[in-house]
Amino acid sequence: MSVSLQVQSGVSLKAFNTFGVDVRAQLFAEAHGDDDVRQALAYGAEHDLPVLVIGGGSNLLLTEDVQALVLRMASRGIRILKEDCGQGLVEAEAGEPWHPFVQSCLELGFSGLENLSLIPGTVGAAPMQNIGAYGVEIKDVFHSLTALDRQTGELREFSLEDCQFGYRDSIFKQQAHRWLILRVRFALSRSASLHLEYGPVRQRLDAMGIKQPTPVDVSRAICAIRREKLPDPAVLGNAGSFFKNPLVTAELSDAIKLRYPGLVGYPQADGQVKLAAGWLIEQAGWKGFREGDAGVHALQALVLVNHGQATGLELLSLARRIQADIAERFGVTLEMEPNLY
């Protein structure tokens, strides 16, 4: 194995996290392939340093300088591995940016990922929290992936069942320091089976004058919706939805609805109800709140934003105040989506 890894010291991570928090990594490197990943892990072991693996930095809140080797996954490559009777198996390297990958699949004529358009991050990070939007989750289009076992150095193939996908959850999130995802494969189709019933997707298509939408039309509609609701991290630092939609008992949901008849909730197959965290936060009066440069987005209460110079600790403090208020007001516990470091 030739040594190709370039390790730098004291690197600002401001450009590598979508909150735009300016902290420094003790050491920093980029992995462009499997060899780089192995070299980084070996370097960390040799120097007794933890290795923090990041993708697009879109699910990360950095609260202090990182005393670790920060390894950014930068591997690229998209391949059609197999195609049969209109069904395709498409593989992408972990470092591929997610939205351009979705667009590439659409350009290749494959549907299935269109509802997941304009989600920030990378392909390798997507299965970790089973990303989802507008009625579709990764698990619905997932085939398999290759991950490196950081404990043994062995490669392992994961099937859909192996991944233990749940709501914003997977075995990779549960065992975050063990598995390092290298490449992911998706089961896509040439014949579209569109998901249009969730949220305002169909209304947006109607407004666009599209009665028989293609997957590309759906992608464009969802991009338009997301751009209206969610700030561009390049303009206003954020990590998208900051809190998960909480699952509560039907009894608690009914009790809240007695006090707040407009409660937004979605009954689940197991009898629980998934509440809209953004609705709860907005009802509590946090929408548009700002203290210094840490704030809540004016158009979407589920999104915390960095207006410029907010620190990770300031954003975390705001998040915890919101959590405490929602717990006291509604009896509901909100769970943060981003990983804290």
C-alpha atoms as a PDB file:
ATOM      1  CA  MET A   1       0.000   0.000   0.000  1.00  0.00           C
ATOM      2  CA  SER A   2       1.641   3.233  -1.144  1.00  0.00           C
ATOM      3  CA  VAL A   3       1.391   6.174   1.240  1.00  0.00           C
ATOM      4  CA  SER A   4      -0.732   8.914  -0.339  1.00  0.00           C
ATOM      5  CA  LEU A   5      -2.509  10.461   2.666  1.00  0.00           C
ATOM      6  CA  GLN A   6      -1.775  14.151   3.173  1.00  0.00           C
ATOM      7  CA  VAL A   7      -2.106  15.084   6.860  1.00  0.00           C
ATOM      8  CA  GLN A   8      -2.319  18.774   7.808  1.00  0.00           C
ATOM      9  CA  SER A   9      -2.306  20.334  11.266  1.00  0.00           C
ATOM     10  CA  GLY A  10      -4.414  23.138  12.764  1.00  0.00           C
ATOM     11  CA  VAL A  11      -6.951  23.251   9.939  1.00  0.00           C
ATOM     12  CA  SER A  12     -10.085  25.388  10.310  1.00  0.00           C
ATOM     13  CA  LEU A  13     -13.235  23.304   9.896  1.00  0.00           C
ATOM     14  CA  LYS A  14     -15.462  26.280   9.071  1.00  0.00           C
ATOM     15  CA  ALA A  15     -15.692  25.249   5.411  1.00  0.00           C
ATOM     16  CA  PHE A  16     -16.346  21.616   6.333  1.00  0.00           C
ATOM     17  CA  ASN A  17     -19.492  21.993   8.449  1.00  0.00           C
ATOM     18  CA  THR A  18     -22.711  23.525   7.149  1.00  0.00           C
ATOM     19  CA  PHE A  19     -23.285  25.480  10.373  1.00  0.00           C
ATOM     20  CA  GLY A  20     -20.101  27.378   9.478  1.00  0.00           C
ATOM     21  CA  VAL A  21     -18.763  27.038  13.020  1.00  0.00           C
ATOM     22  CA  ASP A  22     -15.113  28.054  13.124  1.00  0.00           C
ATOM     23  CA  VAL A  23     -13.209  25.474  15.156  1.00  0.00           C
ATOM     24  CA  ARG A  24      -9.887  23.834  14.345  1.00  0.00           C
ATOM     25  CA  ALA A  25      -8.909  20.234  13.823  1.00  0.00           C
ATOM     26  CA  GLN A  26      -5.686  19.115  15.452  1.00  0.00           C
ATOM     27  CA  LEU A  27      -5.050  17.120  12.262  1.00  0.00           C
ATOM     28  CA  PHE A  28      -6.982  16.951   8.999  1.00  0.00           C
ATOM     29  CA  ALA A  29      -6.871  14.712   5.931  1.00  0.00           C
ATOM     30  CA  GLU A  30      -9.053  13.745   2.974  1.00  0.00           C
ATOM     31  CA  ALA A  31      -9.716  10.166   1.865  1.00  0.00           C
ATOM     32  CA  HIS A  32     -10.007   9.716  -1.892  1.00  0.00           C
ATOM     33  CA  GLY A  33     -10.098   5.919  -1.745  1.00  0.00           C
ATOM     34  CA  ASP A  34      -9.964   2.861   0.489  1.00  0.00           C
ATOM     35  CA  ASP A  35      -6.168   3.068   0.884  1.00  0.00           C
ATOM     36  CA  ASP A  36      -6.440   6.604   2.281  1.00  0.00           C
ATOM     37  CA  VAL A  37      -9.035   5.416   4.805  1.00  0.00           C
ATOM     38  CA  ARG A  38      -6.785   2.598   5.990  1.00  0.00           C
ATOM     39  CA  GLN A  39      -3.770   4.925   6.182  1.00  0.00           C
ATOM     40  CA  ALA A  40      -5.749   7.440   8.261  1.00  0.00           C
ATOM     41  CA  LEU A  41      -6.901   4.788  10.713  1.00  0.00           C
ATOM     42  CA  ALA A  42      -3.346   3.450  10.979  1.00  0.00           C
ATOM     43  CA  TYR A  43      -2.027   6.988  11.524  1.00  0.00           C
ATOM     44  CA  GLY A  44      -4.554   7.555  14.291  1.00  0.00           C
ATOM     45  CA  ALA A  45      -3.643   4.284  15.988  1.00  0.00           C
ATOM     46  CA  GLU A  46       0.090   4.970  15.691  1.00  0.00           C
ATOM     47  CA  HIS A  47      -0.247   8.456  17.219  1.00  0.00           C
ATOM     48  CA  ASP A  48      -2.926   7.459  19.760  1.00  0.00           C
ATOM     49  CA  LEU A  49      -5.412   9.894  18.204  1.00  0.00           C
ATOM     50  CA  PRO A  50      -9.116   9.342  17.609  1.00  0.00           C
ATOM     51  CA  VAL A  51     -10.242   9.621  13.971  1.00  0.00           C
ATOM     52  CA  LEU A  52     -13.395  11.658  13.350  1.00  0.00           C
ATOM     53  CA  VAL A  53     -14.881  10.806   9.955  1.00  0.00           C
ATOM     54  CA  ILE A  54     -16.997  13.481   8.251  1.00  0.00           C
ATOM     55  CA  GLY A  55     -18.814  13.739   4.943  1.00  0.00           C
ATOM     56  CA  GLY A  56     -20.432  17.035   3.993  1.00  0.00           C
ATOM     57  CA  GLY A  57     -20.553  18.193   7.617  1.00  0.00           C
ATOM     58  CA  SER A  58     -24.312  18.686   7.269  1.00  0.00           C
ATOM     59  CA  ASN A  59     -25.274  16.630  10.321  1.00  0.00           C
ATOM     60  CA  LEU A  60     -22.644  17.948  12.695  1.00  0.00           C
ATOM     61  CA  LEU A  61     -22.501  20.526  15.470  1.00  0.00           C
ATOM     62  CA  LEU A  62     -18.915  21.276  16.497  1.00  0.00           C
ATOM     63  CA  THR A  63     -18.749  22.769  19.982  1.00  0.00           C
ATOM     64  CA  GLU A  64     -14.968  22.973  20.448  1.00  0.00           C
ATOM     65  CA  ASP A  65     -11.648  22.449  18.674  1.00  0.00           C
ATOM     66  CA  VAL A  66     -11.386  18.822  17.599  1.00  0.00           C
ATOM     67  CA  GLN A  67      -8.530  16.951  19.277  1.00  0.00           C
ATOM     68  CA  ALA A  68      -8.473  14.237  16.640  1.00  0.00           C
ATOM     69  CA  LEU A  69      -7.534  13.424  13.086  1.00  0.00           C
ATOM     70  CA  VAL A  70     -10.542  14.660  11.109  1.00  0.00           C
ATOM     71  CA  LEU A  71     -10.921  12.518   8.005  1.00  0.00           C
ATOM     72  CA  ARG A  72     -13.136  13.959   5.286  1.00  0.00           C
ATOM     73  CA  MET A  73     -14.534  11.367   2.886  1.00  0.00           C
ATOM     74  CA  ALA A  74     -13.798  12.689  -0.604  1.00  0.00           C
ATOM     75  CA  SER A  75     -14.007   9.491  -2.699  1.00  0.00           C
ATOM     76  CA  ARG A  76     -15.889   9.864  -5.987  1.00  0.00           C
ATOM     77  CA  GLY A  77     -17.470   7.522  -8.497  1.00  0.00           C
ATOM     78  CA  ILE A  78     -20.924   6.469  -9.755  1.00  0.00           C
ATOM     79  CA  ARG A  79     -21.438   3.132 -11.507  1.00  0.00           C
ATOM     80  CA  ILE A  80     -24.329   1.117 -12.911  1.00  0.00           C
ATOM     81  CA  LEU A  81     -23.462  -2.361 -11.654  1.00  0.00           C
ATOM     82  CA  LYS A  82     -26.404  -4.230 -13.139  1.00  0.00           C
ATOM     83  CA  GLU A  83     -29.561  -3.618 -15.118  1.00  0.00           C
ATOM     84  CA  ASP A  84     -32.310  -6.102 -15.854  1.00  0.00           C
ATOM     85  CA  CYS A  85     -35.928  -5.635 -16.965  1.00  0.00           C
ATOM     86  CA  GLY A  86     -35.890  -1.938 -16.147  1.00  0.00           C
ATOM     87  CA  GLN A  87     -34.396  -2.427 -12.672  1.00  0.00           C
ATOM     88  CA  GLY A  88     -30.954  -0.960 -12.036  1.00  0.00           C
ATOM     89  CA  LEU A  89     -28.334  -1.371  -9.345  1.00  0.00           C
ATOM     90  CA  VAL A  90     -26.399   1.897  -8.991  1.00  0.00           C
ATOM     91  CA  GLU A  91     -23.329   2.235  -6.774  1.00  0.00           C
ATOM     92  CA  ALA A  92     -21.752   5.447  -5.498  1.00  0.00           C
ATOM     93  CA  GLU A  93     -18.626   6.123  -3.471  1.00  0.00           C
ATOM     94  CA  ALA A  94     -19.136   7.508   0.024  1.00  0.00           C
ATOM     95  CA  GLY A  95     -17.697  10.936  -0.782  1.00  0.00           C
ATOM     96  CA  GLU A  96     -20.144  11.691  -3.599  1.00  0.00           C
ATOM     97  CA  PRO A  97     -22.247  14.750  -2.699  1.00  0.00           C
ATOM     98  CA  TRP A  98     -25.817  13.538  -2.211  1.00  0.00           C
ATOM     99  CA  HIS A  99     -27.875  15.953  -4.332  1.00  0.00           C
ATOM    100  CA  PRO A 100     -25.616  15.789  -7.408  1.00  0.00           C
ATOM    101  CA  PHE A 101     -25.775  11.984  -7.094  1.00  0.00           C
ATOM    102  CA  VAL A 102     -29.588  12.113  -7.114  1.00  0.00           C
ATOM    103  CA  GLN A 103     -29.463  14.332 -10.205  1.00  0.00           C
ATOM    104  CA  SER A 104     -27.006  11.964 -11.911  1.00  0.00           C
ATOM    105  CA  CYS A 105     -29.377   9.025 -11.351  1.00  0.00           C
ATOM    106  CA  LEU A 106     -32.260  11.016 -12.831  1.00  0.00           C
ATOM    107  CA  GLU A 107     -30.109  11.934 -15.843  1.00  0.00           C
ATOM    108  CA  LEU A 108     -29.342   8.223 -16.272  1.00  0.00           C
ATOM    109  CA  GLY A 109     -33.098   7.588 -16.424  1.00  0.00           C
ATOM    110  CA  PHE A 110     -33.483   5.990 -12.979  1.00  0.00           C
ATOM    111  CA  SER A 111     -36.246   6.911 -10.555  1.00  0.00           C
ATOM    112  CA  GLY A 112     -36.590   6.316  -6.828  1.00  0.00           C
ATOM    113  CA  LEU A 113     -34.418   9.058  -5.334  1.00  0.00           C
ATOM    114  CA  GLU A 114     -36.330  12.092  -6.604  1.00  0.00           C
ATOM    115  CA  ASN A 115     -38.112  12.761  -3.276  1.00  0.00           C
ATOM    116  CA  LEU A 116     -34.704  12.975  -1.588  1.00  0.00           C
ATOM    117  CA  SER A 117     -33.534  15.865  -3.770  1.00  0.00           C
ATOM    118  CA  LEU A 118     -31.604  18.809  -2.329  1.00  0.00           C
ATOM    119  CA  ILE A 119     -30.741  17.082   0.945  1.00  0.00           C
ATOM    120  CA  PRO A 120     -27.231  18.192   1.945  1.00  0.00           C
ATOM    121  CA  GLY A 121     -24.442  15.770   2.778  1.00  0.00           C
ATOM    122  CA  THR A 122     -22.791  12.816   1.079  1.00  0.00           C
ATOM    123  CA  VAL A 123     -23.805   9.362  -0.121  1.00  0.00           C
ATOM    124  CA  GLY A 124     -21.828   7.666   2.651  1.00  0.00           C
ATOM    125  CA  ALA A 125     -23.592   9.650   5.380  1.00  0.00           C
ATOM    126  CA  ALA A 126     -27.083   9.043   3.985  1.00  0.00           C
ATOM    127  CA  PRO A 127     -27.601   5.504   5.375  1.00  0.00           C
ATOM    128  CA  MET A 128     -26.261   6.449   8.808  1.00  0.00           C
ATOM    129  CA  GLN A 129     -29.431   8.262   9.777  1.00  0.00           C
ATOM    130  CA  ASN A 130     -31.664   6.732   7.089  1.00  0.00           C
ATOM    131  CA  ILE A 131     -32.321  10.153   5.574  1.00  0.00           C
ATOM    132  CA  GLY A 132     -35.860  10.758   4.423  1.00  0.00           C
ATOM    133  CA  ALA A 133     -38.132  13.409   2.966  1.00  0.00           C
ATOM    134  CA  TYR A 134     -41.595  13.679   1.437  1.00  0.00           C
ATOM    135  CA  GLY A 135     -42.624  10.102   2.123  1.00  0.00           C
ATOM    136  CA  VAL A 136     -39.413   8.312   1.062  1.00  0.00           C
ATOM    137  CA  GLU A 137     -36.489   7.085   3.172  1.00  0.00           C
ATOM    138  CA  ILE A 138     -33.141   5.568   2.196  1.00  0.00           C
ATOM    139  CA  LYS A 139     -34.415   2.137   3.249  1.00  0.00           C
ATOM    140  CA  ASP A 140     -37.043   2.289   0.477  1.00  0.00           C
ATOM    141  CA  VAL A 141     -34.412   2.443  -2.284  1.00  0.00           C
ATOM    142  CA  PHE A 142     -31.448   0.798  -0.565  1.00  0.00           C
ATOM    143  CA  HIS A 143     -29.833  -2.400  -1.852  1.00  0.00           C
ATOM    144  CA  SER A 144     -26.556  -2.868   0.047  1.00  0.00           C
ATOM    145  CA  LEU A 145     -23.322  -1.183   1.092  1.00  0.00           C
ATOM    146  CA  THR A 146     -19.676  -1.871   1.807  1.00  0.00           C
ATOM    147  CA  ALA A 147     -18.250  -0.743   5.144  1.00  0.00           C
ATOM    148  CA  LEU A 148     -14.895  -1.062   6.852  1.00  0.00           C
ATOM    149  CA  ASP A 149     -14.857  -2.529  10.341  1.00  0.00           C
ATOM    150  CA  ARG A 150     -12.633  -0.100  12.257  1.00  0.00           C
ATOM    151  CA  GLN A 151     -12.004  -2.740  14.924  1.00  0.00           C
ATOM    152  CA  THR A 152     -10.710  -5.492  12.634  1.00  0.00           C
ATOM    153  CA  GLY A 153      -9.856  -3.693   9.384  1.00  0.00           C
ATOM    154  CA  GLU A 154     -12.067  -6.112   7.440  1.00  0.00           C
ATOM    155  CA  LEU A 155     -14.583  -5.148   4.777  1.00  0.00           C
ATOM    156  CA  ARG A 156     -18.185  -6.196   5.318  1.00  0.00           C
ATOM    157  CA  GLU A 157     -21.184  -6.159   3.014  1.00  0.00           C
ATOM    158  CA  PHE A 158     -24.472  -5.012   4.575  1.00  0.00           C
ATOM    159  CA  SER A 159     -27.869  -5.992   3.206  1.00  0.00           C
ATOM    160  CA  LEU A 160     -31.041  -3.980   3.835  1.00  0.00           C
ATOM    161  CA  GLU A 161     -31.865  -6.163   6.832  1.00  0.00           C
ATOM    162  CA  ASP A 162     -28.320  -5.903   8.229  1.00  0.00           C
ATOM    163  CA  CYS A 163     -28.569  -2.109   8.404  1.00  0.00           C
ATOM    164  CA  GLN A 164     -31.386  -2.149  10.997  1.00  0.00           C
ATOM    165  CA  PHE A 165     -32.929   0.990   9.540  1.00  0.00           C
ATOM    166  CA  GLY A 166     -35.386   2.924  11.695  1.00  0.00           C
ATOM    167  CA  TYR A 167     -36.667   6.484  11.792  1.00  0.00           C
ATOM    168  CA  ARG A 168     -33.462   8.544  11.353  1.00  0.00           C
ATOM    169  CA  ASP A 169     -31.577   5.538  12.665  1.00  0.00           C
ATOM    170  CA  SER A 170     -29.392   2.593  11.604  1.00  0.00           C
ATOM    171  CA  ILE A 171     -26.760   0.241  12.953  1.00  0.00           C
ATOM    172  CA  PHE A 172     -24.169   2.729  11.676  1.00  0.00           C
ATOM    173  CA  LYS A 173     -25.559   5.443  13.922  1.00  0.00           C
ATOM    174  CA  GLN A 174     -25.901   3.058  16.859  1.00  0.00           C
ATOM    175  CA  GLN A 175     -22.295   1.868  16.397  1.00  0.00           C
ATOM    176  CA  ALA A 176     -20.885   5.137  15.108  1.00  0.00           C
ATOM    177  CA  HIS A 177     -17.261   4.425  15.980  1.00  0.00           C
ATOM    178  CA  ARG A 178     -17.139   0.953  14.467  1.00  0.00           C
ATOM    179  CA  TRP A 179     -18.339   1.106  10.860  1.00  0.00           C
ATOM    180  CA  LEU A 180     -16.959   3.369   8.149  1.00  0.00           C
ATOM    181  CA  ILE A 181     -19.131   3.345   5.031  1.00  0.00           C
ATOM    182  CA  LEU A 182     -17.108   3.207   1.800  1.00  0.00           C
ATOM    183  CA  ARG A 183     -19.737   2.814  -0.944  1.00  0.00           C
ATOM    184  CA  VAL A 184     -23.492   2.388  -1.209  1.00  0.00           C
ATOM    185  CA  ARG A 185     -25.737   0.614  -3.739  1.00  0.00           C
ATOM    186  CA  PHE A 186     -29.300   1.586  -4.611  1.00  0.00           C
ATOM    187  CA  ALA A 187     -32.078  -0.400  -6.285  1.00  0.00           C
ATOM    188  CA  LEU A 188     -33.619   2.003  -8.788  1.00  0.00           C
ATOM    189  CA  SER A 189     -36.093   1.668 -11.635  1.00  0.00           C
ATOM    190  CA  ARG A 190     -36.584   2.870 -15.198  1.00  0.00           C
ATOM    191  CA  SER A 191     -40.368   2.886 -14.637  1.00  0.00           C
ATOM    192  CA  ALA A 192     -41.446   5.536 -12.176  1.00  0.00           C
ATOM    193  CA  SER A 193     -43.520   4.774  -9.105  1.00  0.00           C
ATOM    194  CA  LEU A 194     -43.955   8.306  -7.827  1.00  0.00           C
ATOM    195  CA  HIS A 195     -44.685   9.283  -4.213  1.00  0.00           C
ATOM    196  CA  LEU A 196     -46.746  12.459  -4.371  1.00  0.00           C
ATOM    197  CA  GLU A 197     -49.037  12.334  -1.356  1.00  0.00           C
ATOM    198  CA  TYR A 198     -46.714  13.615   1.367  1.00  0.00           C
ATOM    199  CA  GLY A 199     -46.782  17.306   2.188  1.00  0.00           C
ATOM    200  CA  PRO A 200     -47.257  19.876  -0.563  1.00  0.00           C
ATOM    201  CA  VAL A 201     -45.679  17.912  -3.434  1.00  0.00           C
ATOM    202  CA  ARG A 202     -48.841  17.382  -5.484  1.00  0.00           C
ATOM    203  CA  GLN A 203     -50.000  20.955  -4.875  1.00  0.00           C
ATOM    204  CA  ARG A 204     -46.665  22.286  -6.111  1.00  0.00           C
ATOM    205  CA  LEU A 205     -46.862  20.146  -9.264  1.00  0.00           C
ATOM    206  CA  ASP A 206     -50.411  21.420  -9.871  1.00  0.00           C
ATOM    207  CA  ALA A 207     -49.162  24.991  -9.423  1.00  0.00           C
ATOM    208  CA  MET A 208     -46.450  24.234 -11.997  1.00  0.00           C
ATOM    209  CA  GLY A 209     -49.185  23.063 -14.401  1.00  0.00           C
ATOM    210  CA  ILE A 210     -47.889  19.485 -14.441  1.00  0.00           C
ATOM    211  CA  LYS A 211     -50.623  16.836 -14.489  1.00  0.00           C
ATOM    212  CA  GLN A 212     -48.531  13.789 -15.445  1.00  0.00           C
ATOM    213  CA  PRO A 213     -45.215  14.358 -13.667  1.00  0.00           C
ATOM    214  CA  THR A 214     -41.954  12.605 -14.413  1.00  0.00           C
ATOM    215  CA  PRO A 215     -39.359  11.851 -11.705  1.00  0.00           C
ATOM    216  CA  VAL A 216     -37.458  14.935 -12.878  1.00  0.00           C
ATOM    217  CA  ASP A 217     -40.613  17.043 -12.387  1.00  0.00           C
ATOM    218  CA  VAL A 218     -40.988  15.686  -8.865  1.00  0.00           C
ATOM    219  CA  SER A 219     -37.347  16.499  -8.114  1.00  0.00           C
ATOM    220  CA  ARG A 220     -37.777  20.063  -9.379  1.00  0.00           C
ATOM    221  CA  ALA A 221     -40.943  20.541  -7.329  1.00  0.00           C
ATOM    222  CA  ILE A 222     -39.264  19.274  -4.166  1.00  0.00           C
ATOM    223  CA  CYS A 223     -36.208  21.458  -4.783  1.00  0.00           C
ATOM    224  CA  ALA A 224     -38.506  24.480  -5.076  1.00  0.00           C
ATOM    225  CA  ILE A 225     -40.328  23.579  -1.847  1.00  0.00           C
ATOM    226  CA  ARG A 226     -37.098  22.992   0.058  1.00  0.00           C
ATOM    227  CA  ARG A 227     -35.555  26.263  -1.166  1.00  0.00           C
ATOM    228  CA  GLU A 228     -38.580  28.162   0.119  1.00  0.00           C
ATOM    229  CA  LYS A 229     -38.591  26.449   3.522  1.00  0.00           C
ATOM    230  CA  LEU A 230     -34.923  25.821   4.237  1.00  0.00           C
ATOM    231  CA  PRO A 231     -32.017  28.273   4.111  1.00  0.00           C
ATOM    232  CA  ASP A 232     -29.030  27.628   1.868  1.00  0.00           C
ATOM    233  CA  PRO A 233     -26.087  26.751   4.176  1.00  0.00           C
ATOM    234  CA  ALA A 234     -23.809  28.751   1.885  1.00  0.00           C
ATOM    235  CA  VAL A 235     -25.849  31.841   2.802  1.00  0.00           C
ATOM    236  CA  LEU A 236     -27.071  31.078   6.332  1.00  0.00           C
ATOM    237  CA  GLY A 237     -25.311  28.379   8.364  1.00  0.00           C
ATOM    238  CA  ASN A 238     -27.569  25.482   9.353  1.00  0.00           C
ATOM    239  CA  ALA A 239     -27.788  21.694   9.508  1.00  0.00           C
ATOM    240  CA  GLY A 240     -31.308  21.331   8.160  1.00  0.00           C
ATOM    241  CA  SER A 241     -33.861  19.881  10.569  1.00  0.00           C
ATOM    242  CA  PHE A 242     -32.255  20.114  13.997  1.00  0.00           C
ATOM    243  CA  PHE A 243     -34.753  17.961  15.902  1.00  0.00           C
ATOM    244  CA  LYS A 244     -36.373  14.650  15.068  1.00  0.00           C
ATOM    245  CA  ASN A 245     -40.155  14.502  14.844  1.00  0.00           C
ATOM    246  CA  PRO A 246     -40.986  12.889  18.207  1.00  0.00           C
ATOM    247  CA  LEU A 247     -42.916   9.629  18.542  1.00  0.00           C
ATOM    248  CA  VAL A 248     -45.415   9.776  21.392  1.00  0.00           C
ATOM    249  CA  THR A 249     -48.267   7.640  22.718  1.00  0.00           C
ATOM    250  CA  ALA A 250     -51.727   8.159  21.286  1.00  0.00           C
ATOM    251  CA  GLU A 251     -52.841   9.187  24.784  1.00  0.00           C
ATOM    252  CA  LEU A 252     -50.295  12.009  24.985  1.00  0.00           C
ATOM    253  CA  SER A 253     -51.148  13.124  21.454  1.00  0.00           C
ATOM    254  CA  ASP A 254     -54.854  13.249  22.342  1.00  0.00           C
ATOM    255  CA  ALA A 255     -54.108  15.182  25.546  1.00  0.00           C
ATOM    256  CA  ILE A 256     -52.083  17.794  23.649  1.00  0.00           C
ATOM    257  CA  LYS A 257     -54.783  18.032  20.965  1.00  0.00           C
ATOM    258  CA  LEU A 258     -57.378  18.932  23.599  1.00  0.00           C
ATOM    259  CA  ARG A 259     -55.308  22.020  24.423  1.00  0.00           C
ATOM    260  CA  TYR A 260     -54.017  22.650  20.898  1.00  0.00           C
ATOM    261  CA  PRO A 261     -56.647  21.503  18.347  1.00  0.00           C
ATOM    262  CA  GLY A 262     -54.295  22.353  15.458  1.00  0.00           C
ATOM    263  CA  LEU A 263     -51.717  19.767  16.530  1.00  0.00           C
ATOM    264  CA  VAL A 264     -49.962  18.172  13.548  1.00  0.00           C
ATOM    265  CA  GLY A 265     -49.525  14.426  14.051  1.00  0.00           C
ATOM    266  CA  TYR A 266     -49.224  11.277  11.946  1.00  0.00           C
ATOM    267  CA  PRO A 267     -50.534   7.961  13.371  1.00  0.00           C
ATOM    268  CA  GLN A 268     -48.001   5.119  13.073  1.00  0.00           C
ATOM    269  CA  ALA A 269     -48.564   1.421  12.472  1.00  0.00           C
ATOM    270  CA  ASP A 270     -47.492   0.570  16.034  1.00  0.00           C
ATOM    271  CA  GLY A 271     -50.136   2.831  17.576  1.00  0.00           C
ATOM    272  CA  GLN A 272     -47.791   5.720  18.335  1.00  0.00           C
ATOM    273  CA  VAL A 273     -48.177   9.166  16.814  1.00  0.00           C
ATOM    274  CA  LYS A 274     -45.357  11.084  15.120  1.00  0.00           C
ATOM    275  CA  LEU A 275     -45.692  14.769  15.988  1.00  0.00           C
ATOM    276  CA  ALA A 276     -44.318  17.606  13.863  1.00  0.00           C
ATOM    277  CA  ALA A 277     -41.462  19.005  15.950  1.00  0.00           C
ATOM    278  CA  GLY A 278     -41.476  22.228  13.945  1.00  0.00           C
ATOM    279  CA  TRP A 279     -45.132  22.813  14.810  1.00  0.00           C
ATOM    280  CA  LEU A 280     -44.445  22.350  18.522  1.00  0.00           C
ATOM    281  CA  ILE A 281     -41.482  24.734  18.417  1.00  0.00           C
ATOM    282  CA  GLU A 282     -43.476  27.335  16.486  1.00  0.00           C
ATOM    283  CA  GLN A 283     -46.414  27.103  18.917  1.00  0.00           C
ATOM    284  CA  ALA A 284     -43.962  27.714  21.759  1.00  0.00           C
ATOM    285  CA  GLY A 285     -42.941  30.994  20.136  1.00  0.00           C
ATOM    286  CA  TRP A 286     -39.381  30.155  19.079  1.00  0.00           C
ATOM    287  CA  LYS A 287     -39.787  30.686  15.326  1.00  0.00           C
ATOM    288  CA  GLY A 288     -37.557  33.581  14.252  1.00  0.00           C
ATOM    289  CA  PHE A 289     -35.930  33.841  17.696  1.00  0.00           C
ATOM    290  CA  ARG A 290     -32.389  35.203  17.727  1.00  0.00           C
ATOM    291  CA  GLU A 291     -29.845  35.732  20.462  1.00  0.00           C
ATOM    292  CA  GLY A 292     -26.556  37.052  19.189  1.00  0.00           C
ATOM    293  CA  ASP A 293     -25.827  35.082  16.011  1.00  0.00           C
ATOM    294  CA  ALA A 294     -27.583  31.894  17.156  1.00  0.00           C
ATOM    295  CA  GLY A 295     -31.198  31.679  16.099  1.00  0.00           C
ATOM    296  CA  VAL A 296     -34.231  29.812  14.835  1.00  0.00           C
ATOM    297  CA  HIS A 297     -35.068  30.231  11.164  1.00  0.00           C
ATOM    298  CA  ALA A 298     -37.823  32.734  10.473  1.00  0.00           C
ATOM    299  CA  LEU A 299     -39.599  30.458   7.980  1.00  0.00           C
ATOM    300  CA  GLN A 300     -39.027  26.998   9.514  1.00  0.00           C
ATOM    301  CA  ALA A 301     -38.931  26.553  13.282  1.00  0.00           C
ATOM    302  CA  LEU A 302     -37.245  23.156  12.964  1.00  0.00           C
ATOM    303  CA  VAL A 303     -34.036  24.768  11.683  1.00  0.00           C
ATOM    304  CA  LEU A 304     -31.441  26.394  13.926  1.00  0.00           C
ATOM    305  CA  VAL A 305     -29.247  28.914  12.140  1.00  0.00           C
ATOM    306  CA  ASN A 306     -25.886  30.621  12.511  1.00  0.00           C
ATOM    307  CA  HIS A 307     -26.255  34.258  11.485  1.00  0.00           C
ATOM    308  CA  GLY A 308     -22.487  34.590  11.178  1.00  0.00           C
ATOM    309  CA  GLN A 309     -20.301  34.201  14.227  1.00  0.00           C
ATOM    310  CA  ALA A 310     -22.276  31.889  16.538  1.00  0.00           C
ATOM    311  CA  THR A 311     -20.224  29.269  18.316  1.00  0.00           C
ATOM    312  CA  GLY A 312     -21.235  25.648  18.531  1.00  0.00           C
ATOM    313  CA  LEU A 313     -21.789  26.060  22.275  1.00  0.00           C
ATOM    314  CA  GLU A 314     -24.163  28.985  21.676  1.00  0.00           C
ATOM    315  CA  LEU A 315     -26.170  26.924  19.203  1.00  0.00           C
ATOM    316  CA  LEU A 316     -26.204  23.961  21.586  1.00  0.00           C
ATOM    317  CA  SER A 317     -27.356  26.186  24.449  1.00  0.00           C
ATOM    318  CA  LEU A 318     -30.242  27.462  22.312  1.00  0.00           C
ATOM    319  CA  ALA A 319     -31.192  23.900  21.336  1.00  0.00           C
ATOM    320  CA  ARG A 320     -31.272  22.834  24.992  1.00  0.00           C
ATOM    321  CA  ARG A 321     -33.457  25.796  25.938  1.00  0.00           C
ATOM    322  CA  ILE A 322     -35.916  24.801  23.225  1.00  0.00           C
ATOM    323  CA  GLN A 323     -35.855  21.172  24.401  1.00  0.00           C
ATOM    324  CA  ALA A 324     -36.591  22.224  28.003  1.00  0.00           C
ATOM    325  CA  ASP A 325     -39.436  24.511  26.934  1.00  0.00           C
ATOM    326  CA  ILE A 326     -41.112  21.857  24.759  1.00  0.00           C
ATOM    327  CA  ALA A 327     -40.788  19.270  27.534  1.00  0.00           C
ATOM    328  CA  GLU A 328     -42.376  21.626  30.070  1.00  0.00           C
ATOM    329  CA  ARG A 329     -45.076  22.929  27.734  1.00  0.00           C
ATOM    330  CA  PHE A 330     -46.129  19.701  25.981  1.00  0.00           C
ATOM    331  CA  GLY A 331     -44.541  16.851  27.937  1.00  0.00           C
ATOM    332  CA  VAL A 332     -42.654  15.905  24.763  1.00  0.00           C
ATOM    333  CA  THR A 333     -38.936  15.142  24.574  1.00  0.00           C
ATOM    334  CA  LEU A 334     -37.213  16.462  21.459  1.00  0.00           C
ATOM    335  CA  GLU A 335     -34.113  14.621  20.256  1.00  0.00           C
ATOM    336  CA  MET A 336     -31.387  16.452  18.358  1.00  0.00           C
ATOM    337  CA  GLU A 337     -30.533  15.139  14.898  1.00  0.00           C
ATOM    338  CA  PRO A 338     -26.964  16.455  14.427  1.00  0.00           C
ATOM    339  CA  ASN A 339     -24.017  14.650  15.958  1.00  0.00           C
ATOM    340  CA  LEU A 340     -22.291  16.703  18.661  1.00  0.00           C
ATOM    341  CA  TYR A 341     -18.550  16.982  18.956  1.00  0.00           C
END
